[in-house]
Amino acid sequence: MATLNFTLYIYPYSRPEASPPLQVALHARSLWRDPVTVYFAEFTCDNWWM
């Protein structure tokens, strides 16, 4: 289960090419002062009912 989780979810989404928010954060790194935390959350349709 750990290998499957790492292979399908953790590793691919840790690559900047697969994650547009990560690409933006890496490009904006020169504009921000250290330390900066970047938080991203997807809005899911399940939240529409709340």
PDB file of N, CA and C in Angstrom:
ATOM      1  N   MET A   1       0.826  -1.177   0.000  1.00  0.00           N
ATOM      2  CA  MET A   1       0.000   0.000   0.000  1.00  0.00           C
ATOM      3  C   MET A   1       0.879   1.252   0.000  1.00  0.00           C
ATOM      4  N   ALA A   2       1.956   1.232   0.757  1.00  0.00           N
ATOM      5  CA  ALA A   2       2.843   2.390   0.798  1.00  0.00           C
ATOM      6  C   ALA A   2       3.499   2.622  -0.560  1.00  0.00           C
ATOM      7  N   THR A   3       3.896   1.556  -1.229  1.00  0.00           N
ATOM      8  CA  THR A   3       4.506   1.695  -2.552  1.00  0.00           C
ATOM      9  C   THR A   3       3.506   2.235  -3.565  1.00  0.00           C
ATOM     10  N   LEU A   4       2.298   1.748  -3.520  1.00  0.00           N
ATOM     11  CA  LEU A   4       1.252   2.224  -4.413  1.00  0.00           C
ATOM     12  C   LEU A   4       0.938   3.698  -4.150  1.00  0.00           C
ATOM     13  N   ASN A   5       0.828   4.066  -2.905  1.00  0.00           N
ATOM     14  CA  ASN A   5       0.555   5.451  -2.530  1.00  0.00           C
ATOM     15  C   ASN A   5       1.670   6.373  -3.010  1.00  0.00           C
ATOM     16  N   PHE A   6       2.910   5.973  -2.804  1.00  0.00           N
ATOM     17  CA  PHE A   6       4.039   6.787  -3.241  1.00  0.00           C
ATOM     18  C   PHE A   6       4.090   6.894  -4.762  1.00  0.00           C
ATOM     19  N   THR A   7       3.896   5.760  -5.438  1.00  0.00           N
ATOM     20  CA  THR A   7       4.023   5.721  -6.893  1.00  0.00           C
ATOM     21  C   THR A   7       2.921   6.496  -7.604  1.00  0.00           C
ATOM     22  N   LEU A   8       1.701   6.412  -7.123  1.00  0.00           N
ATOM     23  CA  LEU A   8       0.580   7.029  -7.837  1.00  0.00           C
ATOM     24  C   LEU A   8       0.208   8.423  -7.339  1.00  0.00           C
ATOM     25  N   TYR A   9       0.539   8.763  -6.110  1.00  0.00           N
ATOM     26  CA  TYR A   9       0.070  10.033  -5.569  1.00  0.00           C
ATOM     27  C   TYR A   9       1.188  10.974  -5.132  1.00  0.00           C
ATOM     28  N   ILE A  10       2.095  10.488  -4.329  1.00  0.00           N
ATOM     29  CA  ILE A  10       3.098  11.377  -3.737  1.00  0.00           C
ATOM     30  C   ILE A  10       4.128  11.808  -4.775  1.00  0.00           C
ATOM     31  N   TYR A  11       4.775  10.878  -5.419  1.00  0.00           N
ATOM     32  CA  TYR A  11       5.867  11.229  -6.340  1.00  0.00           C
ATOM     33  C   TYR A  11       5.392  12.040  -7.553  1.00  0.00           C
ATOM     34  N   PRO A  12       4.334  11.611  -8.252  1.00  0.00           N
ATOM     35  CA  PRO A  12       3.941  12.400  -9.430  1.00  0.00           C
ATOM     36  C   PRO A  12       3.542  13.834  -9.097  1.00  0.00           C
ATOM     37  N   TYR A  13       2.868  14.053  -7.992  1.00  0.00           N
ATOM     38  CA  TYR A  13       2.423  15.400  -7.645  1.00  0.00           C
ATOM     39  C   TYR A  13       3.512  16.229  -6.981  1.00  0.00           C
ATOM     40  N   SER A  14       4.655  15.629  -6.701  1.00  0.00           N
ATOM     41  CA  SER A  14       5.775  16.398  -6.169  1.00  0.00           C
ATOM     42  C   SER A  14       6.630  16.979  -7.288  1.00  0.00           C
ATOM     43  N   ARG A  15       6.368  16.579  -8.515  1.00  0.00           N
ATOM     44  CA  ARG A  15       7.095  17.087  -9.671  1.00  0.00           C
ATOM     45  C   ARG A  15       6.478  18.414 -10.114  1.00  0.00           C
ATOM     46  N   PRO A  16       7.267  19.443 -10.331  1.00  0.00           N
ATOM     47  CA  PRO A  16       6.703  20.736 -10.742  1.00  0.00           C
ATOM     48  C   PRO A  16       5.939  20.676 -12.064  1.00  0.00           C
ATOM     49  N   GLU A  17       6.316  19.782 -12.955  1.00  0.00           N
ATOM     50  CA  GLU A  17       5.638  19.684 -14.242  1.00  0.00           C
ATOM     51  C   GLU A  17       4.190  19.219 -14.103  1.00  0.00           C
ATOM     52  N   ALA A  18       3.893  18.494 -13.042  1.00  0.00           N
ATOM     53  CA  ALA A  18       2.557  17.940 -12.860  1.00  0.00           C
ATOM     54  C   ALA A  18       1.674  18.790 -11.964  1.00  0.00           C
ATOM     55  N   SER A  19       2.216  19.857 -11.411  1.00  0.00           N
ATOM     56  CA  SER A  19       1.466  20.646 -10.443  1.00  0.00           C
ATOM     57  C   SER A  19       1.575  22.140 -10.769  1.00  0.00           C
ATOM     58  N   PRO A  20       0.557  22.716 -11.400  1.00  0.00           N
ATOM     59  CA  PRO A  20       0.604  24.144 -11.714  1.00  0.00           C
ATOM     60  C   PRO A  20       0.796  25.051 -10.490  1.00  0.00           C
ATOM     61  N   PRO A  21       0.165  24.785  -9.338  1.00  0.00           N
ATOM     62  CA  PRO A  21       0.435  25.640  -8.180  1.00  0.00           C
ATOM     63  C   PRO A  21       1.894  25.585  -7.728  1.00  0.00           C
ATOM     64  N   LEU A  22       2.510  24.422  -7.840  1.00  0.00           N
ATOM     65  CA  LEU A  22       3.920  24.301  -7.484  1.00  0.00           C
ATOM     66  C   LEU A  22       4.786  25.075  -8.471  1.00  0.00           C
ATOM     67  N   GLN A  23       4.437  25.069  -9.744  1.00  0.00           N
ATOM     68  CA  GLN A  23       5.175  25.843 -10.737  1.00  0.00           C
ATOM     69  C   GLN A  23       5.110  27.335 -10.414  1.00  0.00           C
ATOM     70  N   VAL A  24       3.936  27.824 -10.083  1.00  0.00           N
ATOM     71  CA  VAL A  24       3.776  29.244  -9.744  1.00  0.00           C
ATOM     72  C   VAL A  24       4.595  29.582  -8.511  1.00  0.00           C
ATOM     73  N   ALA A  25       4.549  28.731  -7.502  1.00  0.00           N
ATOM     74  CA  ALA A  25       5.293  28.987  -6.269  1.00  0.00           C
ATOM     75  C   ALA A  25       6.801  29.006  -6.531  1.00  0.00           C
ATOM     76  N   LEU A  26       7.273  28.134  -7.371  1.00  0.00           N
ATOM     77  CA  LEU A  26       8.713  28.100  -7.665  1.00  0.00           C
ATOM     78  C   LEU A  26       9.144  29.322  -8.471  1.00  0.00           C
ATOM     79  N   HIS A  27       8.297  29.781  -9.388  1.00  0.00           N
ATOM     80  CA  HIS A  27       8.633  30.969 -10.167  1.00  0.00           C
ATOM     81  C   HIS A  27       8.555  32.236  -9.318  1.00  0.00           C
ATOM     82  N   ALA A  28       7.664  32.259  -8.340  1.00  0.00           N
ATOM     83  CA  ALA A  28       7.497  33.438  -7.492  1.00  0.00           C
ATOM     84  C   ALA A  28       8.459  33.451  -6.313  1.00  0.00           C
ATOM     85  N   ARG A  29       9.273  32.426  -6.186  1.00  0.00           N
ATOM     86  CA  ARG A  29      10.208  32.334  -5.067  1.00  0.00           C
ATOM     87  C   ARG A  29      11.129  33.551  -4.998  1.00  0.00           C
ATOM     88  N   SER A  30      11.498  34.097  -6.135  1.00  0.00           N
ATOM     89  CA  SER A  30      12.396  35.250  -6.138  1.00  0.00           C
ATOM     90  C   SER A  30      11.709  36.522  -5.630  1.00  0.00           C
ATOM     91  N   LEU A  31      10.382  36.553  -5.639  1.00  0.00           N
ATOM     92  CA  LEU A  31       9.643  37.730  -5.180  1.00  0.00           C
ATOM     93  C   LEU A  31       9.368  37.712  -3.685  1.00  0.00           C
ATOM     94  N   TRP A  32       9.341  36.525  -3.091  1.00  0.00           N
ATOM     95  CA  TRP A  32       8.980  36.387  -1.691  1.00  0.00           C
ATOM     96  C   TRP A  32      10.207  36.331  -0.807  1.00  0.00           C
ATOM     97  N   ARG A  33      10.028  36.738   0.418  1.00  0.00           N
ATOM     98  CA  ARG A  33      11.096  36.612   1.417  1.00  0.00           C
ATOM     99  C   ARG A  33      10.941  35.284   2.139  1.00  0.00           C
ATOM    100  N   ASP A  34      12.045  34.751   2.581  1.00  0.00           N
ATOM    101  CA  ASP A  34      12.011  33.479   3.313  1.00  0.00           C
ATOM    102  C   ASP A  34      11.567  33.711   4.736  1.00  0.00           C
ATOM    103  N   PRO A  35      10.936  32.847   5.400  1.00  0.00           N
ATOM    104  CA  PRO A  35      10.259  31.644   4.931  1.00  0.00           C
ATOM    105  C   PRO A  35       8.819  31.958   4.503  1.00  0.00           C
ATOM    106  N   VAL A  36       8.358  31.307   3.489  1.00  0.00           N
ATOM    107  CA  VAL A  36       6.998  31.474   2.969  1.00  0.00           C
ATOM    108  C   VAL A  36       6.362  30.099   2.861  1.00  0.00           C
ATOM    109  N   THR A  37       5.134  29.998   3.303  1.00  0.00           N
ATOM    110  CA  THR A  37       4.383  28.764   3.169  1.00  0.00           C
ATOM    111  C   THR A  37       3.349  28.954   2.074  1.00  0.00           C
ATOM    112  N   VAL A  38       3.328  28.049   1.131  1.00  0.00           N
ATOM    113  CA  VAL A  38       2.352  28.083   0.045  1.00  0.00           C
ATOM    114  C   VAL A  38       1.346  26.975   0.307  1.00  0.00           C
ATOM    115  N   TYR A  39       0.082  27.357   0.345  1.00  0.00           N
ATOM    116  CA  TYR A  39      -0.989  26.400   0.605  1.00  0.00           C
ATOM    117  C   TYR A  39      -1.917  26.365  -0.589  1.00  0.00           C
ATOM    118  N   PHE A  40      -2.268  25.184  -1.029  1.00  0.00           N
ATOM    119  CA  PHE A  40      -3.184  25.018  -2.151  1.00  0.00           C
ATOM    120  C   PHE A  40      -4.202  23.962  -1.791  1.00  0.00           C
ATOM    121  N   ALA A  41      -5.461  24.238  -2.081  1.00  0.00           N
ATOM    122  CA  ALA A  41      -6.523  23.262  -1.874  1.00  0.00           C
ATOM    123  C   ALA A  41      -7.490  23.350  -3.040  1.00  0.00           C
ATOM    124  N   GLU A  42      -7.894  22.219  -3.543  1.00  0.00           N
ATOM    125  CA  GLU A  42      -8.859  22.192  -4.639  1.00  0.00           C
ATOM    126  C   GLU A  42     -10.260  22.305  -4.083  1.00  0.00           C
ATOM    127  N   PHE A  43     -11.074  23.046  -4.780  1.00  0.00           N
ATOM    128  CA  PHE A  43     -12.479  23.140  -4.409  1.00  0.00           C
ATOM    129  C   PHE A  43     -13.207  21.970  -5.046  1.00  0.00           C
ATOM    130  N   THR A  44     -13.765  21.118  -4.237  1.00  0.00           N
ATOM    131  CA  THR A  44     -14.470  19.953  -4.752  1.00  0.00           C
ATOM    132  C   THR A  44     -15.963  20.213  -4.760  1.00  0.00           C
ATOM    133  N   CYS A  45     -16.666  19.509  -5.613  1.00  0.00           N
ATOM    134  CA  CYS A  45     -18.109  19.710  -5.710  1.00  0.00           C
ATOM    135  C   CYS A  45     -18.832  19.266  -4.443  1.00  0.00           C
ATOM    136  N   ASP A  46     -18.192  18.456  -3.611  1.00  0.00           N
ATOM    137  CA  ASP A  46     -18.811  18.059  -2.349  1.00  0.00           C
ATOM    138  C   ASP A  46     -19.020  19.252  -1.437  1.00  0.00           C
ATOM    139  N   ASN A  47     -18.193  20.274  -1.580  1.00  0.00           N
ATOM    140  CA  ASN A  47     -18.322  21.454  -0.740  1.00  0.00           C
ATOM    141  C   ASN A  47     -19.509  22.330  -1.145  1.00  0.00           C
ATOM    142  N   TRP A  48     -20.078  22.125  -2.309  1.00  0.00           N
ATOM    143  CA  TRP A  48     -21.209  22.937  -2.747  1.00  0.00           C
ATOM    144  C   TRP A  48     -22.414  22.714  -1.866  1.00  0.00           C
ATOM    145  N   TRP A  49     -22.534  21.548  -1.274  1.00  0.00           N
ATOM    146  CA  TRP A  49     -23.708  21.215  -0.465  1.00  0.00           C
ATOM    147  C   TRP A  49     -23.595  21.768   0.951  1.00  0.00           C
ATOM    148  N   MET A  50     -22.453  22.246   1.330  1.00  0.00           N
ATOM    149  CA  MET A  50     -22.258  22.748   2.700  1.00  0.00           C
ATOM    150  C   MET A  50     -22.526  24.223   2.759  1.00  0.00           C
TER     151      MET A  50
END
